[in-house]
Protein backbone atom coordinates (compact mmCIF):
# COMPACT_ATOMS: atom_id res chain seq x y z
CA MET A 1 117.95 131.51 133.86
CA ASP A 2 114.94 129.22 133.73
CA ASP A 3 112.82 130.46 130.82
CA PHE A 4 111.16 127.12 130.12
CA GLY A 5 107.68 127.20 128.64
CA VAL A 6 105.19 125.13 126.66
CA TYR A 7 103.48 126.85 123.74
CA ALA A 8 100.55 126.01 121.47
CA ILE A 9 99.47 127.11 118.01
CA PHE A 10 95.74 126.75 117.40
CA GLY A 11 95.32 126.99 113.63
CA VAL A 12 97.76 127.83 110.86
CA ASP A 13 97.02 131.57 110.99
CA GLU A 14 97.29 132.04 114.76
CA PRO A 15 100.43 133.07 116.69
CA PRO A 16 101.93 130.81 119.39
CA GLN A 17 100.41 131.09 122.88
CA GLN A 18 102.20 130.13 126.06
CA ILE A 19 100.03 127.61 127.90
CA LEU A 20 102.42 126.47 130.62
CA ARG A 21 105.36 128.20 132.26
CA ARG A 22 107.27 128.18 135.50
CA ASP A 23 105.26 130.82 137.33
CA GLY A 24 101.83 130.38 135.81
CA TRP A 25 99.75 129.44 132.80
CA GLN A 26 96.81 130.66 130.78
CA SER A 27 93.57 129.37 132.28
CA SER A 28 91.38 128.94 129.22
CA ILE A 29 91.51 129.13 125.46
CA ASP A 30 88.49 128.77 123.20
CA ILE A 31 89.09 127.25 119.79
CA GLN A 32 86.73 127.93 116.91
CA PRO A 33 85.33 124.89 115.01
CA SER A 34 87.28 126.01 111.95
CA VAL A 35 90.62 125.19 113.61
CA GLN A 36 92.22 122.30 111.73
CA LEU A 37 95.67 122.06 113.34
CA ILE A 38 97.05 122.19 116.87
CA VAL A 39 100.79 122.25 117.50
CA LEU A 40 102.40 122.06 120.95
CA PHE A 41 106.08 122.73 121.52
CA SER A 42 108.52 123.60 124.27
CA ARG A 43 111.02 126.42 124.42
CA GLY A 44 113.85 127.16 126.83
CA ASP A 45 116.02 125.21 129.24
CA TRP A 46 114.47 121.89 130.32
CA GLY A 47 116.60 121.73 133.46
CA LYS A 48 115.65 118.68 135.49
CA ARG A 49 112.37 118.24 133.70
CA GLU A 50 112.06 114.81 132.08
CA SER A 51 108.96 115.26 129.94
CA VAL A 52 105.66 117.06 129.51
CA SER A 53 102.61 114.81 129.22
CA VAL A 54 99.69 116.12 127.17
CA GLU A 55 96.21 114.61 127.36
CA LEU A 56 93.17 115.52 125.32
CA ALA A 57 89.87 114.42 126.90
CA ASP A 58 86.27 114.76 125.77
CA GLU A 59 83.37 116.24 127.74
CA ARG A 60 83.09 112.99 129.75
CA ASN A 61 86.79 113.20 130.63
CA VAL A 62 87.51 110.16 128.44
CA PRO A 63 90.96 110.45 126.84
CA ILE A 64 90.85 111.13 123.10
CA ASN A 65 94.55 111.40 122.51
CA MET A 66 97.75 111.50 124.52
CA GLY A 67 101.24 112.66 123.72
CA LYS A 68 104.52 113.66 125.28
CA LEU A 69 107.17 116.31 124.83
CA THR A 70 110.74 115.50 125.85
CA PRO A 71 114.13 117.23 125.56
CA PHE A 72 114.61 115.15 122.41
CA ASN A 73 111.09 115.40 120.95
CA LYS A 74 110.03 118.99 121.52
CA CYS A 75 107.03 119.14 119.17
CA LEU A 76 103.64 117.44 118.99
CA SER A 77 100.93 117.94 116.36
CA TRP A 78 97.27 116.98 116.15
CA GLU A 79 95.30 117.59 112.97
CA SER A 80 91.56 117.99 112.81
CA GLY A 81 89.50 115.13 111.40
CA GLU A 82 86.59 115.19 109.02
CA ASP A 83 84.08 113.33 111.19
CA GLY A 84 83.78 116.03 113.86
CA VAL A 85 83.83 113.73 116.89
CA TRP A 86 85.37 116.57 118.96
CA SER A 87 82.85 119.23 117.98
CA ASN A 88 81.30 119.02 121.47
CA GLY A 89 84.45 120.31 123.10
CA ALA A 90 87.46 118.83 124.82
CA THR A 91 89.90 119.49 127.67
CA LEU A 92 93.64 119.74 127.32
CA ASN A 93 95.67 118.69 130.40
CA VAL A 94 99.39 119.39 130.53
CA LYS A 95 101.73 118.07 133.20
CA ILE A 96 105.48 118.36 133.71
CA ILE A 97 107.21 115.15 134.73
CA GLY A 98 110.32 115.72 136.82
CA GLY A 99 111.40 119.05 138.26
CA THR A 100 108.54 121.48 138.87
CA THR A 101 105.10 120.02 138.11
CA GLU A 102 102.25 122.24 136.93
CA PHE A 103 98.84 121.53 135.47
CA LEU A 104 96.93 123.53 132.93
CA ASP A 105 93.62 124.78 134.27
CA PRO A 106 90.88 122.20 133.50
CA GLY A 107 88.80 125.13 132.33
CA LEU A 108 90.83 125.21 129.14
CA THR A 109 87.93 124.18 126.90
CA LEU A 110 88.40 123.43 123.23
CA LEU A 111 85.36 123.61 120.99
CA GLN A 112 86.95 121.32 118.44
CA MET A 113 89.98 119.05 118.75
CA GLU A 114 91.05 115.94 116.89
CA CYS A 115 93.29 112.95 117.19
CA THR A 116 93.21 111.17 113.82
CA PRO A 117 90.41 109.93 111.56
CA GLU A 118 88.75 106.66 112.51
CA CYS A 119 89.92 106.98 116.14
CA ASN A 120 87.37 105.91 118.75
CA ALA A 121 87.19 108.23 121.74
CA VAL A 122 86.23 105.44 124.11
CA VAL A 123 88.23 102.42 123.02
CA PRO A 124 91.85 103.05 121.98
CA ALA A 125 92.71 101.62 118.58
CA ILE A 126 95.39 99.38 120.03
CA ARG A 127 92.84 97.40 122.04
CA GLU A 128 91.67 95.50 119.02
CA CYS A 129 92.16 91.77 119.39
CA PRO A 130 95.41 90.58 117.87
CA GLY A 131 95.03 89.30 114.36
CA LYS A 132 91.94 91.29 113.47
CA ARG A 133 92.46 93.08 110.16
CA LYS A 134 91.75 96.80 110.46
CA ARG A 135 90.89 97.70 106.88
CA SER A 136 90.06 101.34 107.59
CA GLN A 137 93.44 102.24 109.09
CA GLY A 138 96.16 104.19 107.34
CA GLU A 139 94.17 107.20 106.11
CA GLU A 140 97.04 109.49 107.01
CA GLU A 141 98.98 107.88 104.19
CA GLU A 142 96.29 108.16 101.50
CA GLU A 143 98.64 110.02 99.23
CA ILE A 144 101.19 107.21 99.32
CA ASN A 145 99.62 105.09 96.63
CA GLU A 146 98.92 107.84 94.10
CA GLY A 147 100.46 106.72 90.84
CA ARG A 148 101.05 103.18 92.07
CA GLY A 149 99.99 100.52 89.59
CA LYS A 150 100.99 97.38 91.44
CA GLU A 151 100.29 95.93 94.83
CA ASN A 152 102.69 95.61 97.71
CA ILE A 153 102.67 91.91 98.45
CA CYS A 154 103.84 90.34 101.66
CA PRO A 155 105.73 87.17 100.77
CA ASN A 156 103.09 84.94 102.34
CA ALA A 157 100.52 85.77 99.65
CA SER A 158 99.24 82.71 97.81
CA GLU A 159 99.02 84.02 94.25
CA LYS A 160 101.54 82.58 91.78
CA VAL A 161 103.57 84.89 89.62
CA THR A 162 106.27 84.68 87.02
CA PRO A 163 109.21 86.87 88.10
CA GLN A 164 110.27 89.53 85.63
CA ARG A 165 113.71 91.07 85.38
CA ARG A 166 113.93 94.59 86.71
CA SER A 167 116.48 97.28 86.08
CA LYS A 168 118.06 99.25 88.88
CA ASN A 169 115.62 101.64 90.55
CA ASN A 170 113.10 101.19 87.72
CA GLN A 171 111.49 97.84 88.35
CA ARG A 172 108.44 96.74 86.45
CA GLY A 173 106.23 93.70 86.47
CA GLY A 174 103.60 92.05 88.56
CA GLN A 175 103.56 90.62 92.03
CA THR A 176 106.85 89.02 92.98
CA ARG A 177 107.78 86.40 95.50
CA LEU A 178 110.87 85.07 97.16
CA PHE A 179 109.57 81.50 96.81
CA SER A 180 109.76 79.28 93.75
CA GLN A 181 106.62 78.22 91.86
CA LYS A 182 107.11 74.66 93.08
CA GLU A 183 107.03 75.92 96.67
CA GLU A 184 103.89 77.95 95.99
CA GLN A 185 102.05 74.99 94.47
CA ALA A 186 102.88 72.88 97.51
CA ALA A 187 101.69 75.68 99.77
CA THR A 188 98.40 76.09 97.94
CA SER A 189 97.48 72.46 98.51
CA SER A 190 98.39 72.49 102.20
CA SER A 191 96.05 73.30 105.06
CA GLN A 192 96.33 76.80 106.48
CA SER A 193 93.75 76.64 109.23
CA HIS A 194 96.01 77.11 112.24
CA LYS A 195 94.38 79.22 114.95
CA ALA A 196 96.71 79.32 117.93
CA LYS A 197 95.66 82.56 119.60
CA GLY A 198 96.29 83.07 123.28
CA LYS A 199 97.95 79.73 123.85
CA GLN A 200 101.14 79.00 125.69
CA ALA A 201 104.11 78.74 123.34
CA LYS A 202 104.83 75.08 122.61
CA ASN A 203 107.27 73.04 120.60
CA PRO A 204 106.09 70.84 117.76
CA ALA A 205 105.33 67.31 118.85
CA GLN A 206 105.91 65.77 115.47
CA ASN A 207 109.00 63.62 115.02
CA GLY A 208 110.14 64.17 118.60
CA PRO A 209 111.63 67.29 120.15
CA LEU A 210 113.81 69.56 118.04
CA ASP A 211 117.32 70.50 119.09
CA LYS A 212 117.34 73.67 117.01
CA PRO A 213 114.84 75.95 115.25
CA SER A 214 113.33 74.77 112.00
CA GLY A 215 114.32 76.52 108.76
CA ARG A 216 112.58 79.85 108.38
CA TRP A 217 112.67 83.43 107.18
CA GLY A 218 111.05 86.67 108.37
CA GLN A 219 111.91 85.94 112.01
CA THR A 220 113.58 88.21 114.57
CA LEU A 221 116.73 87.41 116.57
CA CYS A 222 117.10 89.70 119.56
CA PRO A 223 120.15 89.80 121.92
CA ILE A 224 119.19 90.24 125.58
CA ASP A 225 122.53 89.82 127.35
CA PRO A 226 126.15 89.03 126.40
CA GLN A 227 125.39 85.31 126.18
CA THR A 228 121.75 85.06 125.10
CA ALA A 229 119.57 85.92 122.10
CA ILE A 230 115.86 85.23 121.60
CA LEU A 231 114.39 84.00 118.31
CA ILE A 232 110.74 84.86 117.64
CA GLY A 233 108.43 83.92 114.77
CA GLY A 234 109.13 83.19 111.12
CA GLN A 235 107.75 81.23 108.19
CA GLY A 236 109.11 77.97 106.78
CA VAL A 237 108.46 75.26 104.20
CA ARG A 238 105.19 75.27 102.24
CA MET A 239 104.62 78.79 103.60
CA GLN A 240 103.65 77.35 106.97
CA PHE A 241 104.20 79.48 110.04
CA CYS A 242 106.67 77.91 112.43
CA LYS A 243 105.17 75.82 115.21
CA ASP A 244 108.37 76.27 117.22
CA PRO A 245 108.18 80.06 117.33
CA ILE A 246 110.36 80.96 120.33
CA TRP A 247 113.92 79.78 121.00
CA LYS A 248 116.74 80.84 123.29
CA LEU A 249 120.26 80.86 121.84
CA CYS A 250 123.24 80.43 124.15
CA THR A 251 126.20 81.98 122.36
CA GLU A 252 128.72 80.39 124.71
CA ASP A 253 128.37 77.03 122.95
CA LEU A 254 125.90 78.06 120.16
CA SER A 255 123.21 75.78 121.55
CA TRP A 256 119.47 76.29 121.18
CA VAL A 257 116.86 75.77 123.90
CA PRO A 258 113.08 76.12 123.43
CA ALA A 259 112.04 79.21 125.38
CA GLU A 260 109.38 78.22 127.90
CA THR A 261 107.04 81.13 128.44
CA LEU A 262 103.98 81.59 130.58
CA ALA A 263 101.26 83.76 129.14
CA GLU A 264 99.82 86.68 131.07
CA GLY A 265 97.21 87.50 128.46
CA PRO A 266 97.44 86.49 124.80
CA THR A 267 100.80 85.41 123.45
CA PRO A 268 101.79 86.80 120.05
CA GLU A 269 100.10 84.92 117.25
CA ALA A 270 102.46 83.33 114.70
CA ARG A 271 103.70 86.00 112.29
CA ILE A 272 106.43 87.31 110.04
CA GLY A 273 107.52 90.84 109.18
CA HIS A 274 107.26 91.87 112.85
CA THR A 275 109.93 93.56 114.95
CA ALA A 276 111.34 92.50 118.33
CA THR A 277 113.23 95.21 120.18
CA TYR A 278 115.03 94.78 123.49
CA ASP A 279 115.15 97.45 126.18
CA PRO A 280 118.22 96.85 128.39
CA GLU A 281 116.88 99.11 131.12
CA SER A 282 113.63 97.21 131.75
CA LYS A 283 114.99 93.90 130.37
CA ARG A 284 111.92 93.47 128.19
CA ILE A 285 111.39 92.59 124.53
CA PHE A 286 108.76 94.57 122.62
CA VAL A 287 107.14 92.68 119.73
CA PHE A 288 105.18 94.86 117.34
CA GLY A 289 103.22 94.34 114.12
CA GLY A 290 103.76 91.75 111.41
CA SER A 291 101.39 89.69 109.29
CA LYS A 292 100.03 86.16 108.95
CA HIS A 293 98.42 85.23 105.66
CA LYS A 294 95.72 87.89 105.28
CA LYS A 295 95.89 89.05 108.88
CA TRP A 296 97.75 92.19 109.88
CA PHE A 297 98.81 93.20 113.36
CA ASN A 298 99.24 96.46 115.24
CA ASP A 299 99.48 94.90 118.69
CA VAL A 300 102.34 95.32 121.16
CA HIS A 301 103.37 92.26 123.16
CA ILE A 302 106.00 92.50 125.89
CA LEU A 303 108.17 89.58 127.00
CA ASP A 304 109.77 90.10 130.40
CA THR A 305 113.09 88.25 130.14
CA GLN A 306 113.35 87.97 133.94
CA THR A 307 109.98 86.34 134.58
CA TRP A 308 109.44 84.99 131.02
CA ARG A 309 105.87 86.23 130.97
CA TRP A 310 104.01 87.81 128.08
CA THR A 311 101.85 90.90 128.45
CA LEU A 312 99.57 92.40 125.80
CA VAL A 313 99.67 96.19 125.96
CA GLU A 314 96.40 98.11 125.88
CA ALA A 315 97.85 101.32 124.52
CA GLN A 316 96.42 104.76 123.98
CA GLY A 317 96.81 106.52 120.66
CA LYS A 318 96.80 105.18 117.16
CA VAL A 319 99.13 103.19 114.93
CA PRO A 320 98.09 101.31 111.78
CA PRO A 321 98.74 97.60 111.25
CA LEU A 322 102.25 97.34 109.80
CA ALA A 323 104.58 94.61 108.54
CA TYR A 324 108.18 94.74 107.29
CA HIS A 325 108.67 98.05 109.08
CA SER A 326 111.69 99.08 111.15
CA CYS A 327 111.69 99.62 114.90
CA SER A 328 114.51 101.29 116.82
CA MET A 329 114.93 101.82 120.56
CA PHE A 330 116.16 105.25 121.66
CA ARG A 331 116.03 106.59 125.21
CA GLY A 332 113.35 104.11 126.23
CA GLU A 333 110.99 104.75 123.30
CA LEU A 334 110.30 102.74 120.13
CA PHE A 335 110.65 104.56 116.80
CA VAL A 336 108.70 102.78 114.04
CA PHE A 337 109.18 103.80 110.42
CA GLY A 338 107.66 102.60 107.15
CA GLY A 339 106.20 99.17 106.52
CA VAL A 340 103.30 97.69 104.57
CA PHE A 341 99.73 98.41 105.69
CA PRO A 342 96.47 96.90 104.41
CA ARG A 343 93.83 98.69 102.40
CA PRO A 344 90.23 97.60 101.75
CA HIS A 345 89.87 95.13 98.92
CA PRO A 346 90.39 95.56 95.99
CA GLU A 347 92.74 98.47 96.66
CA PRO A 348 96.46 97.59 96.72
CA ASP A 349 98.23 97.43 100.04
CA GLY A 350 100.29 100.55 100.65
CA CYS A 351 103.67 101.47 102.09
CA SER A 352 104.10 104.02 104.85
CA ASP A 353 106.54 106.92 105.14
CA SER A 354 105.40 107.89 108.64
CA ILE A 355 107.12 107.70 112.01
CA TYR A 356 105.21 106.41 115.02
CA ILE A 357 106.68 106.51 118.52
CA PHE A 358 105.61 104.19 121.33
CA ASN A 359 106.26 105.23 124.91
CA PRO A 360 106.18 102.14 127.15
CA GLU A 361 106.01 104.13 130.40
CA MET A 362 102.78 105.85 129.40
CA ALA A 363 101.61 103.09 127.02
CA ILE A 364 100.83 105.57 124.25
CA TRP A 365 101.49 105.94 120.53
CA TYR A 366 102.13 109.39 119.11
CA GLN A 367 103.53 110.97 115.96
CA PRO A 368 106.29 113.58 116.19
CA ILE A 369 106.74 116.52 113.87
CA VAL A 370 109.59 115.60 111.52
CA ASN A 371 111.37 118.07 109.28
CA GLY A 372 113.79 117.70 106.41
CA GLU A 373 113.85 115.48 103.36
CA LYS A 374 111.64 112.50 104.15
CA PRO A 375 112.35 109.06 102.59
CA ALA A 376 109.85 107.69 100.08
CA PRO A 377 107.31 105.15 101.41
CA ARG A 378 108.89 101.71 101.74
CA SER A 379 109.00 98.36 103.51
CA GLY A 380 111.62 95.69 104.03
CA HIS A 381 114.27 98.34 104.73
CA SER A 382 116.84 98.33 107.53
CA ALA A 383 117.40 100.80 110.35
CA CYS A 384 120.13 101.10 112.96
CA VAL A 385 120.67 103.61 115.78
CA MET A 386 124.15 105.12 115.94
CA GLN A 387 125.20 108.13 118.03
CA GLY A 388 121.74 109.63 118.32
CA ARG A 389 120.85 109.04 114.67
CA ILE A 390 118.84 106.41 112.81
CA PHE A 391 120.28 105.30 109.47
CA LEU A 392 117.68 103.91 107.03
CA PHE A 393 118.77 101.91 103.99
CA GLY A 394 116.99 100.24 101.06
CA GLY A 395 113.58 98.61 101.08
CA TRP A 396 110.95 98.56 98.37
CA ASP A 397 107.56 99.89 97.38
CA THR A 398 106.35 97.66 94.56
CA PRO A 399 107.52 97.82 91.85
CA VAL A 400 110.48 100.00 92.92
CA CYS A 401 113.46 98.75 94.96
CA PHE A 402 115.68 101.28 96.76
CA ASN A 403 119.36 101.55 97.60
CA ASP A 404 119.26 105.07 99.02
CA MET A 405 120.33 106.10 102.52
CA PHE A 406 118.58 108.48 104.89
CA MET A 407 119.53 109.70 108.33
CA LEU A 408 117.13 110.84 111.05
CA ASP A 409 118.66 113.14 113.67
CA LEU A 410 116.86 112.13 116.88
CA GLY A 411 117.69 115.39 118.61
CA LEU A 412 116.36 117.67 115.88
CA MET A 413 113.85 115.13 114.52
CA GLU A 414 115.06 116.01 111.05
CA PHE A 415 115.55 113.72 108.04
CA SER A 416 118.34 114.17 105.53
CA ALA A 417 119.46 112.18 102.51
CA VAL A 418 122.98 110.80 102.93
CA LYS A 419 125.27 111.44 99.98
CA THR A 420 127.49 108.39 99.83
CA SER A 421 130.66 107.44 98.00
CA GLY A 422 132.29 104.13 97.17
CA THR A 423 130.66 100.94 95.89
CA ALA A 424 127.05 101.04 97.08
CA PRO A 425 124.81 97.95 97.35
CA SER A 426 122.34 97.41 94.53
CA PRO A 427 118.63 98.08 95.30
CA ARG A 428 117.24 95.51 97.76
CA SER A 429 114.85 94.74 100.59
CA TRP A 430 114.66 92.09 103.36
CA HIS A 431 118.44 92.26 103.76
CA GLY A 432 120.43 91.70 106.93
CA CYS A 433 121.89 94.64 108.84
CA ALA A 434 124.15 94.74 111.90
CA VAL A 435 126.10 97.47 113.70
CA LEU A 436 129.82 96.62 113.74
CA SER A 437 131.20 99.63 115.62
CA GLU A 438 130.29 103.16 116.65
CA SER A 439 130.79 104.29 113.05
CA SER A 440 130.08 101.32 110.80
CA PHE A 441 127.37 98.80 109.95
CA LEU A 442 127.02 95.80 107.66
CA ILE A 443 124.48 95.17 104.89
CA HIS A 444 124.22 91.59 103.60
CA GLY A 445 122.04 89.76 101.09
CA GLY A 446 118.40 90.62 100.58
CA TYR A 447 115.93 90.47 97.72
CA ASN A 448 115.96 92.67 94.60
CA GLY A 449 112.48 91.83 93.27
CA ASN A 450 113.69 88.79 91.33
CA ASN A 451 116.36 87.00 93.32
CA ALA A 452 117.93 86.61 96.72
CA LEU A 453 121.40 88.20 96.96
CA ASN A 454 124.69 87.11 98.54
CA ASP A 455 126.87 90.21 98.50
CA ALA A 456 127.97 92.20 101.54
CA PHE A 457 128.89 95.84 102.17
CA ILE A 458 130.11 97.98 105.06
CA PHE A 459 129.04 101.60 105.49
CA ASN A 460 131.18 104.09 107.43
CA THR A 461 129.05 106.82 108.99
CA ASP A 462 132.04 109.13 109.55
CA THR A 463 133.10 109.17 105.89
CA SER A 464 129.69 108.26 104.33
CA CYS A 465 131.58 105.71 102.27
CA TRP A 466 130.53 102.23 101.16
CA SER A 467 133.01 99.38 100.75
CA SER A 468 132.26 95.92 99.38
CA LEU A 469 133.14 92.89 101.47
CA THR A 470 134.34 89.55 100.12
CA LEU A 471 134.07 86.72 102.64
CA PRO A 472 133.22 83.13 101.66
CA GLN A 473 130.93 82.56 104.65
CA LEU A 474 128.79 85.53 103.64
CA ASN A 475 129.08 85.39 99.85
CA SER A 476 128.63 81.66 99.21
CA VAL A 477 124.81 81.40 99.52
CA PRO A 478 122.10 83.95 98.64
CA ARG A 479 119.87 84.83 101.60
CA ALA A 480 116.90 87.08 102.22
CA GLY A 481 114.76 87.57 105.30
CA HIS A 482 117.58 86.32 107.53
CA SER A 483 118.79 87.63 110.88
CA ILE A 484 122.21 89.16 111.57
CA ILE A 485 123.32 90.33 115.01
CA THR A 486 126.58 91.11 116.78
CA MET A 487 127.34 89.83 120.28
CA PRO A 488 130.37 89.79 122.57
CA THR A 489 132.78 86.96 121.78
CA THR A 490 132.62 84.33 124.53
CA CYS A 491 134.76 81.35 125.36
CA LYS A 492 133.95 78.16 127.24
CA GLN A 493 136.83 78.64 129.65
CA GLY A 494 135.50 81.90 131.04
CA SER A 495 131.91 82.98 130.66
CA ILE A 496 130.71 86.55 130.92
CA ASP A 497 128.68 87.60 133.90
CA GLU A 498 125.39 89.21 132.83
CA GLN A 499 125.93 92.09 135.24
CA GLU A 500 129.52 92.64 134.19
CA GLU A 501 130.27 95.81 132.23
CA LEU A 502 132.00 94.88 128.99
CA PRO A 503 134.78 97.17 127.75
CA GLU A 504 134.03 99.05 124.55
CA SER A 505 136.93 97.26 122.87
CA ALA A 506 135.63 93.80 123.77
CA PRO A 507 135.80 91.47 120.74
CA GLN A 508 132.52 90.97 118.90
CA THR A 509 131.14 88.09 116.86
CA LEU A 510 128.71 88.29 113.96
CA LEU A 511 125.92 85.67 114.04
CA VAL A 512 123.85 84.85 110.95
CA PHE A 513 120.68 82.71 111.09
CA GLY A 514 117.95 81.57 108.72
CA GLY A 515 116.62 83.18 105.58
CA GLY A 516 115.44 81.88 102.24
CA ASP A 517 117.21 81.36 98.90
CA ASN A 518 116.18 81.36 95.23
CA GLU A 519 115.15 77.69 95.25
CA GLY A 520 112.43 77.97 97.88
CA SER A 521 114.66 76.56 100.63
CA PHE A 522 114.77 77.94 104.17
CA PHE A 523 117.88 77.77 106.32
CA SER A 524 118.13 76.57 109.90
CA ASP A 525 121.90 76.94 110.11
CA LEU A 526 123.72 79.35 112.39
CA PHE A 527 127.22 80.48 111.63
CA THR A 528 129.55 82.99 113.22
CA ILE A 529 132.26 85.35 111.99
CA PRO A 530 134.62 87.39 114.19
CA VAL A 531 133.86 91.05 113.56
CA GLU A 532 137.59 91.76 113.33
CA GLU A 533 137.68 89.72 110.10
CA LEU A 534 135.13 92.11 108.60
CA ARG A 535 137.31 95.12 109.36
CA ASP A 536 140.47 93.74 107.80
């Protein structure tokens, strides 16, 4: 029985109304100006339907906001703003993608609708030029900083501080940095006037060509096939952003090759604290957010790994500039959680506890309705997708460091705190995280507000149990802001075909690159560990 329908609630005191169904839909609904909340949701068997696209347009038919319902994200919410930009009315268009397609009557006129404060009805927020600081963004998180006495500082800030010892989960003190004072003094005297927007990625010409990436931290290392990973961004000595920002790693012989890219539109400006997420279906890397000195980014750049061309997305919807957030790919969409966002001077920068979803097919940002026990605002945390769930660990919101664990069920869109047993990691941020199997992941190193760390732990999602890991290669040197990934183990005698399906039991290798230590040094080394050694 096909009882599928799409429903809407117009205001907190109104009952749900069915606005789209198999055999018909309501032609028009008038909303009073006092309506502050609109919720759309689906009910019933989705059948062959893939999604329901929802578009809100003004009286000139210019899109104000766009969203999407799917079998996995069945709710969408828009809350009325204070500036009244939709007081002249709007039109809601609903369309089923896949299966039976039906449109809502264009006569469905809304006297007041809203996307989010500060959203421009003509120019989507994402179209801002990369690098431009959007100081008015982030109003939806205004409650985040209540009670906060200290600023969230990205590690590329230039102000010197004296680190202060912090106790577990009750840190105090001023602004803290991963770098030593000697490193900061050298950075202050150096020139920071690099403006390399929209240029083709190049390798540094000084001292001849490099045969491997320079030492750095805050970069991303993204596997794209069984033999290749792509390194993007990072910051190195004297707090300078790396002039060799993009490298290709061949895991067959652990060799590095500068990644030659041709720009189709602006290339990503040098940055740290960004995310790079690979979609195996489209074979594209999505680079989002990050920061550079006092610049913050909310742009989305796409690198096509087949043509090696960059594209800057002009997306609909709204997402604030974020750095040190997490980004997870699930069923073709990007799930962004947390991160640092800027506030107008002299207010302290804040941390987010919101989820933003980017749909590449429709090039839109939207926010889902999420239930359950939400994690506290944070940045520098880790996130990994396992069996339809995202596991979030650690992070910090100055002056507090976290070592808690939360799980987001991607089917129910519901958060829950994970009650763990065993020896848990101490509070930390900017740690490394890698999935080892269908039911376990690794946490290594990080920064506790005073020092970089060198310990390692494995979490089992089936038993919710932590276990500490002692391995000289991992425990010998403290690291923070480094990259850890797992890739299929290869051998020189027989390489793996990119199109070849690897068995689930194929041996895996852990690769660790970069990061910074307590002395202000940045690593350029790459070392590997068989994953089987971590399970013993």
